[in-house]
C-alpha atoms as a PDB file:
ATOM      1  CA  MET A   1       9.356  35.695  14.123  1.00  0.00           C
ATOM      2  CA  PRO A   2      12.610  36.132  16.056  1.00  0.00           C
ATOM      3  CA  ILE A   3      14.101  33.698  18.547  1.00  0.00           C
ATOM      4  CA  TYR A   4      14.231  35.119  22.067  1.00  0.00           C
ATOM      5  CA  GLU A   5      16.015  33.764  25.131  1.00  0.00           C
ATOM      6  CA  TYR A   6      14.096  33.309  28.382  1.00  0.00           C
ATOM      7  CA  VAL A   7      15.472  32.642  31.891  1.00  0.00           C
ATOM      8  CA  CYS A   8      13.492  31.109  34.759  1.00  0.00           C
ATOM      9  CA  VAL A   9      14.059  31.691  38.492  1.00  0.00           C
ATOM     10  CA  ASP A  10      16.359  28.618  38.579  1.00  0.00           C
ATOM     11  CA  GLN A  11      18.524  30.280  35.873  1.00  0.00           C
ATOM     12  CA  HIS A  12      17.578  27.751  33.162  1.00  0.00           C
ATOM     13  CA  LEU A  13      17.986  29.238  29.700  1.00  0.00           C
ATOM     14  CA  THR A  14      15.246  28.521  27.148  1.00  0.00           C
ATOM     15  CA  GLU A  15      14.893  29.702  23.564  1.00  0.00           C
ATOM     16  CA  ALA A  16      11.517  30.260  21.916  1.00  0.00           C
ATOM     17  CA  ILE A  17      10.148  31.764  18.744  1.00  0.00           C
ATOM     18  CA  ASN A  18       7.680  34.410  19.846  1.00  0.00           C
ATOM     19  CA  GLY A  19       6.495  37.886  19.044  1.00  0.00           C
ATOM     20  CA  PHE A  20       7.931  40.913  20.807  1.00  0.00           C
ATOM     21  CA  GLU A  21       4.847  41.261  23.011  1.00  0.00           C
ATOM     22  CA  VAL A  22       5.466  37.864  24.720  1.00  0.00           C
ATOM     23  CA  SER A  23       7.629  38.709  27.729  1.00  0.00           C
ATOM     24  CA  GLU A  24       7.078  35.578  29.826  1.00  0.00           C
ATOM     25  CA  ILE A  25       6.676  31.863  29.022  1.00  0.00           C
ATOM     26  CA  VAL A  26       6.702  28.566  30.924  1.00  0.00           C
ATOM     27  CA  CYS A  27      10.232  27.128  31.224  1.00  0.00           C
ATOM     28  CA  ARG A  28      10.709  24.002  29.107  1.00  0.00           C
ATOM     29  CA  CYS A  29      13.991  22.794  30.648  1.00  0.00           C
ATOM     30  CA  ASP A  30      13.797  19.296  32.188  1.00  0.00           C
ATOM     31  CA  GLY A  31      10.144  19.724  33.145  1.00  0.00           C
ATOM     32  CA  CYS A  32      10.871  22.787  35.310  1.00  0.00           C
ATOM     33  CA  GLY A  33       7.546  24.432  34.466  1.00  0.00           C
ATOM     34  CA  LYS A  34       8.392  27.698  36.234  1.00  0.00           C
ATOM     35  CA  PRO A  35       7.749  31.080  34.613  1.00  0.00           C
ATOM     36  CA  ALA A  36      10.664  32.366  32.528  1.00  0.00           C
ATOM     37  CA  LYS A  37      11.189  36.024  31.644  1.00  0.00           C
ATOM     38  CA  ARG A  38      12.631  37.214  28.347  1.00  0.00           C
ATOM     39  CA  VAL A  39      16.288  38.252  28.425  1.00  0.00           C
ATOM     40  CA  PRO A  40      16.690  41.876  27.269  1.00  0.00           C
ATOM     41  CA  VAL A  41      17.986  42.068  23.714  1.00  0.00           C
ATOM     42  CA  TYR A  42      19.117  45.680  23.722  1.00  0.00           C
ATOM     43  CA  HIS A  43      20.969  47.379  26.545  1.00  0.00           C
ATOM     44  CA  THR A  44      21.043  51.138  26.813  1.00  0.00           C
ATOM     45  CA  GLN A  45      24.249  52.571  28.189  1.00  0.00           C
ATOM     46  CA  PHE A  46      25.102  56.224  28.642  1.00  0.00           C
ATOM     47  CA  LEU A  47      28.716  57.274  28.894  1.00  0.00           C
ATOM     48  CA  GLY A  48      29.503  60.813  29.894  1.00  0.00           C
ATOM     49  CA  GLN A  49      27.586  63.929  29.114  1.00  0.00           C
ATOM     50  CA  ALA A  50      27.917  66.544  26.410  1.00  0.00           C
ATOM     51  CA  THR A  51      26.219  69.823  25.666  1.00  0.00           C
ATOM     52  CA  ILE A  52      26.542  71.944  22.581  1.00  0.00           C
ATOM     53  CA  PRO A  53      26.945  75.669  23.234  1.00  0.00           C
ATOM     54  CA  LEU A  54      24.041  77.695  21.837  1.00  0.00           C
ATOM     55  CA  GLY A  55      26.244  79.600  19.398  1.00  0.00           C
ATOM     56  CA  GLU A  56      27.620  76.406  17.837  1.00  0.00           C
ATOM     57  CA  ARG A  57      24.492  74.296  17.330  1.00  0.00           C
ATOM     58  CA  ASP A  58      24.056  75.215  13.686  1.00  0.00           C
ATOM     59  CA  HIS A  59      27.688  74.355  12.813  1.00  0.00           C
ATOM     60  CA  ARG A  60      27.114  70.591  12.937  1.00  0.00           C
ATOM     61  CA  GLN A  61      25.057  70.764   9.767  1.00  0.00           C
ATOM     62  CA  ASN A  62      27.682  72.964   8.131  1.00  0.00           C
ATOM     63  CA  PHE A  63      30.348  70.360   8.932  1.00  0.00           C
ATOM     64  CA  SER A  64      28.264  67.510   7.463  1.00  0.00           C
ATOM     65  CA  GLU A  65      27.753  69.578   4.319  1.00  0.00           C
ATOM     66  CA  TYR A  66      31.534  70.128   4.181  1.00  0.00           C
ATOM     67  CA  VAL A  67      32.177  66.371   4.480  1.00  0.00           C
ATOM     68  CA  GLU A  68      29.667  65.602   1.736  1.00  0.00           C
ATOM     69  CA  ALA A  69      31.129  68.243  -0.578  1.00  0.00           C
ATOM     70  CA  SER A  70      34.725  67.138   0.048  1.00  0.00           C
ATOM     71  CA  GLU A  71      33.820  63.509  -0.721  1.00  0.00           C
ATOM     72  CA  GLU A  72      32.170  64.613  -3.962  1.00  0.00           C
ATOM     73  CA  ILE A  73      35.247  66.643  -4.929  1.00  0.00           C
ATOM     74  CA  SER A  74      37.502  63.683  -4.096  1.00  0.00           C
ATOM     75  CA  TYR A  75      35.368  61.437  -6.314  1.00  0.00           C
ATOM     76  CA  HIS A  76      35.732  63.809  -9.259  1.00  0.00           C
ATOM     77  CA  TYR A  77      39.507  64.096  -8.737  1.00  0.00           C
ATOM     78  CA  ASP A  78      39.805  60.285  -8.615  1.00  0.00           C
ATOM     79  CA  LYS A  79      37.831  60.016 -11.842  1.00  0.00           C
ATOM     80  CA  ALA A  80      39.992  62.694 -13.526  1.00  0.00           C
ATOM     81  CA  ASP A  81      43.146  60.878 -12.322  1.00  0.00           C
ATOM     82  CA  GLN A  82      41.936  57.694 -14.013  1.00  0.00           C
ATOM     83  CA  ASP A  83      40.996  59.490 -17.231  1.00  0.00           C
ATOM     84  CA  ARG A  84      44.334  61.323 -17.545  1.00  0.00           C
ATOM     85  CA  GLY A  85      46.456  58.453 -16.260  1.00  0.00           C
ATOM     86  CA  GLN A  86      48.373  60.723 -13.898  1.00  0.00           C
ATOM     87  CA  PRO A  87      47.567  62.348 -10.552  1.00  0.00           C
ATOM     88  CA  ILE A  88      46.150  65.857 -10.417  1.00  0.00           C
ATOM     89  CA  LYS A  89      47.178  68.200  -7.591  1.00  0.00           C
ATOM     90  CA  ARG A  90      44.306  68.427  -5.141  1.00  0.00           C
ATOM     91  CA  PRO A  91      43.434  71.452  -3.010  1.00  0.00           C
ATOM     92  CA  ASP A  92      44.063  71.277   0.751  1.00  0.00           C
ATOM     93  CA  LEU A  93      40.412  71.184   1.836  1.00  0.00           C
ATOM     94  CA  TRP A  94      41.198  70.339   5.454  1.00  0.00           C
ATOM     95  CA  GLY A  95      43.606  73.255   5.765  1.00  0.00           C
ATOM     96  CA  THR A  96      41.079  75.589   4.179  1.00  0.00           C
ATOM     97  CA  ALA A  97      38.387  74.426   6.588  1.00  0.00           C
ATOM     98  CA  ARG A  98      40.684  74.954   9.590  1.00  0.00           C
ATOM     99  CA  THR A  99      41.547  78.458   8.404  1.00  0.00           C
ATOM    100  CA  THR A 100      37.863  79.306   7.855  1.00  0.00           C
ATOM    101  CA  GLN A 101      36.992  77.951  11.290  1.00  0.00           C
ATOM    102  CA  ALA A 102      39.740  79.986  12.974  1.00  0.00           C
ATOM    103  CA  GLN A 103      38.665  83.160  11.174  1.00  0.00           C
ATOM    104  CA  ALA A 104      35.055  82.634  12.265  1.00  0.00           C
ATOM    105  CA  GLY A 105      36.140  82.101  15.891  1.00  0.00           C
ATOM    106  CA  TRP A 106      34.924  78.494  16.161  1.00  0.00           C
ATOM    107  CA  THR A 107      38.187  77.118  17.546  1.00  0.00           C
ATOM    108  CA  SER A 108      38.408  74.843  20.549  1.00  0.00           C
ATOM    109  CA  GLY A 109      41.925  74.657  21.879  1.00  0.00           C
ATOM    110  CA  GLY A 110      43.330  75.283  18.407  1.00  0.00           C
ATOM    111  CA  ARG A 111      41.820  72.104  16.986  1.00  0.00           C
ATOM    112  CA  LEU A 112      39.213  71.650  14.297  1.00  0.00           C
ATOM    113  CA  ARG A 113      36.244  69.840  15.732  1.00  0.00           C
END
Protein backbone atom coordinates (compact mmCIF):
# COMPACT_ATOMS: atom_id res chain seq x y z
CA MET A 1 0.00 0.00 0.00
CA PRO A 2 1.33 3.47 -0.82
CA ILE A 3 1.71 6.37 1.59
CA TYR A 4 -0.55 9.29 0.72
CA GLU A 5 -0.54 12.83 2.11
CA TYR A 6 -3.77 14.33 3.44
CA VAL A 7 -4.52 17.98 4.32
CA CYS A 8 -7.30 19.14 6.65
CA VAL A 9 -9.12 22.50 6.53
CA ASP A 10 -6.58 23.93 9.03
CA GLN A 11 -3.78 23.00 6.56
CA HIS A 12 -2.33 20.26 8.79
CA LEU A 13 -0.43 17.69 6.75
CA THR A 14 -0.93 14.02 7.64
CA GLU A 15 0.52 10.91 6.04
CA ALA A 16 -1.33 7.59 5.96
CA ILE A 17 -0.99 4.22 4.32
CA ASN A 18 -4.23 3.65 2.45
CA GLY A 19 -5.60 2.30 -0.78
CA PHE A 20 -6.26 4.56 -3.74
CA GLU A 21 -10.01 4.53 -3.09
CA VAL A 22 -9.62 6.29 0.31
CA SER A 23 -9.85 9.99 -0.51
CA GLU A 24 -10.66 11.37 2.95
CA ILE A 25 -9.56 10.50 6.50
CA VAL A 26 -9.77 12.06 9.97
CA CYS A 27 -6.81 14.38 10.65
CA ARG A 28 -4.42 12.95 13.26
CA CYS A 29 -2.42 16.13 13.96
CA ASP A 30 -2.54 17.27 17.61
CA GLY A 31 -6.05 15.90 18.11
CA CYS A 32 -7.50 18.07 15.33
CA GLY A 33 -10.05 15.43 14.31
CA LYS A 34 -11.24 17.35 11.24
CA PRO A 35 -11.69 15.65 7.87
CA ALA A 36 -8.56 15.68 5.70
CA LYS A 37 -8.60 15.26 1.92
CA ARG A 38 -5.91 13.43 -0.02
CA VAL A 39 -3.36 15.64 -1.79
CA PRO A 40 -3.33 14.93 -5.55
CA VAL A 41 -0.35 12.81 -6.54
CA TYR A 42 -0.40 13.48 -10.26
CA HIS A 43 -1.00 16.84 -11.87
CA THR A 44 -2.06 17.10 -15.48
CA GLN A 45 -0.71 20.09 -17.33
CA PHE A 46 -1.24 20.95 -20.97
CA LEU A 47 1.16 23.27 -22.71
CA GLY A 48 0.30 24.53 -26.15
CA GLN A 49 -1.56 22.77 -28.87
CA ALA A 50 -0.45 20.77 -31.87
CA THR A 51 -2.20 19.16 -34.79
CA ILE A 52 -0.75 16.85 -37.37
CA PRO A 53 -1.77 17.60 -40.96
CA LEU A 54 -3.76 14.76 -42.51
CA GLY A 55 -1.15 14.08 -45.18
CA GLU A 56 1.64 13.63 -42.62
CA ARG A 57 0.02 11.39 -40.00
CA ASP A 58 1.52 8.18 -41.34
CA HIS A 59 5.07 9.61 -41.40
CA ARG A 60 5.53 9.38 -37.63
CA GLN A 61 5.67 5.60 -37.84
CA ASN A 62 8.08 5.82 -40.76
CA PHE A 63 10.39 8.04 -38.69
CA SER A 64 10.33 5.63 -35.72
CA GLU A 65 11.18 2.78 -38.08
CA TYR A 66 14.07 4.89 -39.43
CA VAL A 67 15.38 5.52 -35.89
CA GLU A 68 15.17 1.82 -35.03
CA ALA A 69 16.94 0.80 -38.23
CA SER A 70 19.68 3.42 -37.83
CA GLU A 71 20.35 2.28 -34.25
CA GLU A 72 20.62 -1.32 -35.45
CA ILE A 73 23.05 -0.30 -38.21
CA SER A 74 25.10 1.71 -35.70
CA TYR A 75 25.27 -1.33 -33.41
CA HIS A 76 26.62 -3.51 -36.22
CA TYR A 77 29.20 -0.87 -37.22
CA ASP A 78 30.35 -0.59 -33.58
CA LYS A 79 30.70 -4.36 -33.39
CA ALA A 80 32.66 -4.46 -36.68
CA ASP A 81 34.91 -1.63 -35.41
CA GLN A 82 35.75 -3.70 -32.34
CA ASP A 83 36.37 -6.86 -34.36
CA ARG A 84 38.69 -5.16 -36.88
CA GLY A 85 40.36 -2.87 -34.36
CA GLN A 86 39.93 0.16 -36.60
CA PRO A 87 36.98 2.39 -37.50
CA ILE A 88 34.89 1.66 -40.57
CA LYS A 89 33.48 4.55 -42.63
CA ARG A 90 29.79 4.85 -41.87
CA PRO A 91 27.11 6.05 -44.29
CA ASP A 92 25.51 9.46 -43.69
CA LEU A 93 22.07 8.20 -42.67
CA TRP A 94 20.85 11.59 -41.48
CA GLY A 95 21.80 13.25 -44.75
CA THR A 96 20.12 10.48 -46.71
CA ALA A 97 16.95 10.85 -44.66
CA ARG A 98 16.90 14.63 -45.21
CA THR A 99 17.34 14.16 -48.95
CA THR A 100 14.56 11.55 -49.08
CA GLN A 101 12.28 13.83 -47.07
CA ALA A 102 12.94 16.80 -49.36
CA GLN A 103 12.30 14.70 -52.47
CA ALA A 104 9.00 13.47 -51.04
CA GLY A 105 7.93 17.04 -50.21
CA TRP A 106 7.76 16.56 -46.43
CA THR A 107 9.88 19.60 -45.58
CA SER A 108 8.93 22.16 -42.98
CA GLY A 109 10.97 25.30 -43.34
CA GLY A 110 13.88 23.32 -44.76
CA ARG A 111 14.33 21.29 -41.58
CA LEU A 112 13.94 17.58 -41.00
CA ARG A 113 11.27 17.00 -38.41
